[in-house]
Amino acid sequence: MKTVQTSVCKRCGEPTGPRELVVRNSLADPLQVSECGHCGAIVDIGGHLW
């Protein structure tokens, strides 16, 4: 059985797993901003080699 990694949003305290996380980005843009599906707080920014 595969376990799902779940973290907790620092703003609202709700779990942010694959079902709760919302990623808003374009396929043409490598920048990926992941937001909490409950409150909209930015959870992670990735996609670029800073």
PDB file of N, CA and C in Angstrom:
ATOM      1  N   MET A   1       0.829  -1.184   0.000  1.00  0.00           N
ATOM      2  CA  MET A   1       0.000   0.000   0.000  1.00  0.00           C
ATOM      3  C   MET A   1       0.873   1.246   0.000  1.00  0.00           C
ATOM      4  N   LYS A   2       0.549   2.195  -0.871  1.00  0.00           N
ATOM      5  CA  LYS A   2       1.324   3.422  -0.974  1.00  0.00           C
ATOM      6  C   LYS A   2       0.753   4.469  -0.022  1.00  0.00           C
ATOM      7  N   THR A   3       1.636   5.108   0.769  1.00  0.00           N
ATOM      8  CA  THR A   3       1.171   6.163   1.659  1.00  0.00           C
ATOM      9  C   THR A   3       1.344   7.512   0.971  1.00  0.00           C
ATOM     10  N   VAL A   4       0.462   8.429   1.277  1.00  0.00           N
ATOM     11  CA  VAL A   4       0.493   9.758   0.680  1.00  0.00           C
ATOM     12  C   VAL A   4       1.113  10.728   1.664  1.00  0.00           C
ATOM     13  N   GLN A   5       2.098  11.488   1.200  1.00  0.00           N
ATOM     14  CA  GLN A   5       2.761  12.489   2.025  1.00  0.00           C
ATOM     15  C   GLN A   5       1.818  13.677   2.218  1.00  0.00           C
ATOM     16  N   THR A   6       1.510  13.999   3.432  1.00  0.00           N
ATOM     17  CA  THR A   6       0.631  15.117   3.731  1.00  0.00           C
ATOM     18  C   THR A   6       1.353  16.067   4.671  1.00  0.00           C
ATOM     19  N   SER A   7       1.294  17.354   4.351  1.00  0.00           N
ATOM     20  CA  SER A   7       1.840  18.358   5.249  1.00  0.00           C
ATOM     21  C   SER A   7       0.691  19.240   5.714  1.00  0.00           C
ATOM     22  N   VAL A   8       0.998  20.193   6.570  1.00  0.00           N
ATOM     23  CA  VAL A   8      -0.031  21.066   7.125  1.00  0.00           C
ATOM     24  C   VAL A   8       0.264  22.495   6.694  1.00  0.00           C
ATOM     25  N   CYS A   9      -0.773  23.200   6.260  1.00  0.00           N
ATOM     26  CA  CYS A   9      -0.635  24.600   5.857  1.00  0.00           C
ATOM     27  C   CYS A   9      -0.277  25.437   7.080  1.00  0.00           C
ATOM     28  N   LYS A  10       0.720  26.296   6.956  1.00  0.00           N
ATOM     29  CA  LYS A  10       1.158  27.122   8.077  1.00  0.00           C
ATOM     30  C   LYS A  10       0.172  28.246   8.371  1.00  0.00           C
ATOM     31  N   ARG A  11      -0.662  28.608   7.397  1.00  0.00           N
ATOM     32  CA  ARG A  11      -1.621  29.691   7.609  1.00  0.00           C
ATOM     33  C   ARG A  11      -2.907  29.199   8.290  1.00  0.00           C
ATOM     34  N   CYS A  12      -3.536  28.151   7.735  1.00  0.00           N
ATOM     35  CA  CYS A  12      -4.845  27.728   8.243  1.00  0.00           C
ATOM     36  C   CYS A  12      -4.808  26.442   9.054  1.00  0.00           C
ATOM     37  N   GLY A  13      -3.699  25.685   8.990  1.00  0.00           N
ATOM     38  CA  GLY A  13      -3.577  24.462   9.772  1.00  0.00           C
ATOM     39  C   GLY A  13      -4.234  23.248   9.155  1.00  0.00           C
ATOM     40  N   GLU A  14      -4.801  23.390   7.948  1.00  0.00           N
ATOM     41  CA  GLU A  14      -5.445  22.270   7.264  1.00  0.00           C
ATOM     42  C   GLU A  14      -4.396  21.419   6.551  1.00  0.00           C
ATOM     43  N   PRO A  15      -4.653  20.118   6.349  1.00  0.00           N
ATOM     44  CA  PRO A  15      -3.703  19.273   5.617  1.00  0.00           C
ATOM     45  C   PRO A  15      -3.622  19.680   4.149  1.00  0.00           C
ATOM     46  N   THR A  16      -2.424  19.642   3.592  1.00  0.00           N
ATOM     47  CA  THR A  16      -2.219  19.959   2.180  1.00  0.00           C
ATOM     48  C   THR A  16      -1.567  18.771   1.507  1.00  0.00           C
ATOM     49  N   GLY A  17      -2.374  17.868   1.020  1.00  0.00           N
ATOM     50  CA  GLY A  17      -1.907  16.694   0.301  1.00  0.00           C
ATOM     51  C   GLY A  17      -2.247  16.839  -1.164  1.00  0.00           C
ATOM     52  N   PRO A  18      -2.086  15.780  -1.942  1.00  0.00           N
ATOM     53  CA  PRO A  18      -2.359  15.853  -3.387  1.00  0.00           C
ATOM     54  C   PRO A  18      -3.777  16.281  -3.734  1.00  0.00           C
ATOM     55  N   ARG A  19      -4.749  15.920  -2.911  1.00  0.00           N
ATOM     56  CA  ARG A  19      -6.134  16.294  -3.214  1.00  0.00           C
ATOM     57  C   ARG A  19      -6.437  17.730  -2.811  1.00  0.00           C
ATOM     58  N   GLU A  20      -5.756  18.249  -1.801  1.00  0.00           N
ATOM     59  CA  GLU A  20      -6.037  19.586  -1.314  1.00  0.00           C
ATOM     60  C   GLU A  20      -5.196  20.662  -2.003  1.00  0.00           C
ATOM     61  N   LEU A  21      -4.069  20.260  -2.582  1.00  0.00           N
ATOM     62  CA  LEU A  21      -3.133  21.224  -3.143  1.00  0.00           C
ATOM     63  C   LEU A  21      -3.561  21.669  -4.534  1.00  0.00           C
ATOM     64  N   VAL A  22      -3.506  22.955  -4.783  1.00  0.00           N
ATOM     65  CA  VAL A  22      -3.870  23.525  -6.071  1.00  0.00           C
ATOM     66  C   VAL A  22      -2.614  24.139  -6.673  1.00  0.00           C
ATOM     67  N   VAL A  23      -2.257  23.720  -7.888  1.00  0.00           N
ATOM     68  CA  VAL A  23      -1.084  24.265  -8.566  1.00  0.00           C
ATOM     69  C   VAL A  23      -1.582  25.131  -9.710  1.00  0.00           C
ATOM     70  N   ARG A  24      -1.198  26.402  -9.698  1.00  0.00           N
ATOM     71  CA  ARG A  24      -1.632  27.322 -10.731  1.00  0.00           C
ATOM     72  C   ARG A  24      -0.423  27.722 -11.571  1.00  0.00           C
ATOM     73  N   ASN A  25      -0.351  27.161 -12.768  1.00  0.00           N
ATOM     74  CA  ASN A  25       0.731  27.496 -13.681  1.00  0.00           C
ATOM     75  C   ASN A  25       0.335  27.072 -15.085  1.00  0.00           C
ATOM     76  N   SER A  26       1.043  27.588 -16.036  1.00  0.00           N
ATOM     77  CA  SER A  26       0.832  27.244 -17.440  1.00  0.00           C
ATOM     78  C   SER A  26       1.835  26.152 -17.809  1.00  0.00           C
ATOM     79  N   LEU A  27       1.465  25.289 -18.743  1.00  0.00           N
ATOM     80  CA  LEU A  27       2.395  24.250 -19.184  1.00  0.00           C
ATOM     81  C   LEU A  27       3.621  24.865 -19.865  1.00  0.00           C
ATOM     82  N   ALA A  28       3.476  26.056 -20.449  1.00  0.00           N
ATOM     83  CA  ALA A  28       4.593  26.723 -21.121  1.00  0.00           C
ATOM     84  C   ALA A  28       5.520  27.417 -20.121  1.00  0.00           C
ATOM     85  N   ASP A  29       5.058  27.647 -18.906  1.00  0.00           N
ATOM     86  CA  ASP A  29       5.849  28.351 -17.893  1.00  0.00           C
ATOM     87  C   ASP A  29       6.380  27.351 -16.877  1.00  0.00           C
ATOM     88  N   PRO A  30       7.697  27.283 -16.681  1.00  0.00           N
ATOM     89  CA  PRO A  30       8.245  26.313 -15.731  1.00  0.00           C
ATOM     90  C   PRO A  30       7.967  26.658 -14.262  1.00  0.00           C
ATOM     91  N   LEU A  31       7.567  27.903 -13.985  1.00  0.00           N
ATOM     92  CA  LEU A  31       7.289  28.284 -12.601  1.00  0.00           C
ATOM     93  C   LEU A  31       6.011  27.601 -12.129  1.00  0.00           C
ATOM     94  N   GLN A  32       6.076  26.924 -10.997  1.00  0.00           N
ATOM     95  CA  GLN A  32       4.930  26.219 -10.435  1.00  0.00           C
ATOM     96  C   GLN A  32       4.670  26.746  -9.026  1.00  0.00           C
ATOM     97  N   VAL A  33       3.531  27.360  -8.840  1.00  0.00           N
ATOM     98  CA  VAL A  33       3.146  27.881  -7.533  1.00  0.00           C
ATOM     99  C   VAL A  33       2.064  26.971  -6.970  1.00  0.00           C
ATOM    100  N   SER A  34       2.365  26.336  -5.860  1.00  0.00           N
ATOM    101  CA  SER A  34       1.416  25.436  -5.218  1.00  0.00           C
ATOM    102  C   SER A  34       0.732  26.170  -4.076  1.00  0.00           C
ATOM    103  N   GLU A  35      -0.608  26.111  -4.063  1.00  0.00           N
ATOM    104  CA  GLU A  35      -1.383  26.816  -3.058  1.00  0.00           C
ATOM    105  C   GLU A  35      -2.213  25.839  -2.236  1.00  0.00           C
ATOM    106  N   CYS A  36      -2.518  26.226  -1.006  1.00  0.00           N
ATOM    107  CA  CYS A  36      -3.407  25.447  -0.156  1.00  0.00           C
ATOM    108  C   CYS A  36      -4.804  25.501  -0.765  1.00  0.00           C
ATOM    109  N   GLY A  37      -5.438  24.356  -0.907  1.00  0.00           N
ATOM    110  CA  GLY A  37      -6.774  24.305  -1.471  1.00  0.00           C
ATOM    111  C   GLY A  37      -7.836  24.844  -0.539  1.00  0.00           C
ATOM    112  N   HIS A  38      -7.503  25.054   0.731  1.00  0.00           N
ATOM    113  CA  HIS A  38      -8.467  25.537   1.710  1.00  0.00           C
ATOM    114  C   HIS A  38      -8.455  27.057   1.821  1.00  0.00           C
ATOM    115  N   CYS A  39      -7.259  27.665   1.957  1.00  0.00           N
ATOM    116  CA  CYS A  39      -7.201  29.108   2.198  1.00  0.00           C
ATOM    117  C   CYS A  39      -6.471  29.877   1.100  1.00  0.00           C
ATOM    118  N   GLY A  40      -5.806  29.178   0.173  1.00  0.00           N
ATOM    119  CA  GLY A  40      -5.127  29.849  -0.930  1.00  0.00           C
ATOM    120  C   GLY A  40      -3.714  30.310  -0.622  1.00  0.00           C
ATOM    121  N   ALA A  41      -3.196  30.002   0.558  1.00  0.00           N
ATOM    122  CA  ALA A  41      -1.830  30.396   0.902  1.00  0.00           C
ATOM    123  C   ALA A  41      -0.829  29.669   0.015  1.00  0.00           C
ATOM    124  N   ILE A  42       0.258  30.333  -0.339  1.00  0.00           N
ATOM    125  CA  ILE A  42       1.308  29.705  -1.134  1.00  0.00           C
ATOM    126  C   ILE A  42       2.062  28.722  -0.244  1.00  0.00           C
ATOM    127  N   VAL A  43       2.109  27.469  -0.693  1.00  0.00           N
ATOM    128  CA  VAL A  43       2.754  26.405   0.066  1.00  0.00           C
ATOM    129  C   VAL A  43       4.159  26.143  -0.466  1.00  0.00           C
ATOM    130  N   ASP A  44       4.333  26.244  -1.787  1.00  0.00           N
ATOM    131  CA  ASP A  44       5.626  25.936  -2.394  1.00  0.00           C
ATOM    132  C   ASP A  44       5.751  26.659  -3.724  1.00  0.00           C
ATOM    133  N   ILE A  45       6.964  27.060  -4.064  1.00  0.00           N
ATOM    134  CA  ILE A  45       7.257  27.642  -5.379  1.00  0.00           C
ATOM    135  C   ILE A  45       8.408  26.840  -5.959  1.00  0.00           C
ATOM    136  N   GLY A  46       8.217  26.326  -7.166  1.00  0.00           N
ATOM    137  CA  GLY A  46       9.251  25.508  -7.769  1.00  0.00           C
ATOM    138  C   GLY A  46       9.245  25.647  -9.274  1.00  0.00           C
ATOM    139  N   GLY A  47      10.120  24.900  -9.911  1.00  0.00           N
ATOM    140  CA  GLY A  47      10.160  24.885 -11.357  1.00  0.00           C
ATOM    141  C   GLY A  47      11.342  25.609 -11.955  1.00  0.00           C
ATOM    142  N   HIS A  48      11.920  26.574 -11.264  1.00  0.00           N
ATOM    143  CA  HIS A  48      13.077  27.307 -11.767  1.00  0.00           C
ATOM    144  C   HIS A  48      14.320  26.905 -10.986  1.00  0.00           C
ATOM    145  N   LEU A  49      15.441  26.907 -11.642  1.00  0.00           N
ATOM    146  CA  LEU A  49      16.726  26.697 -10.942  1.00  0.00           C
ATOM    147  C   LEU A  49      17.214  28.076 -10.522  1.00  0.00           C
ATOM    148  N   TRP A  50      16.863  28.496  -9.340  1.00  0.00           N
ATOM    149  CA  TRP A  50      17.172  29.865  -8.883  1.00  0.00           C
ATOM    150  C   TRP A  50      18.636  30.041  -8.729  1.00  0.00           C
TER     151      TRP A  50
END
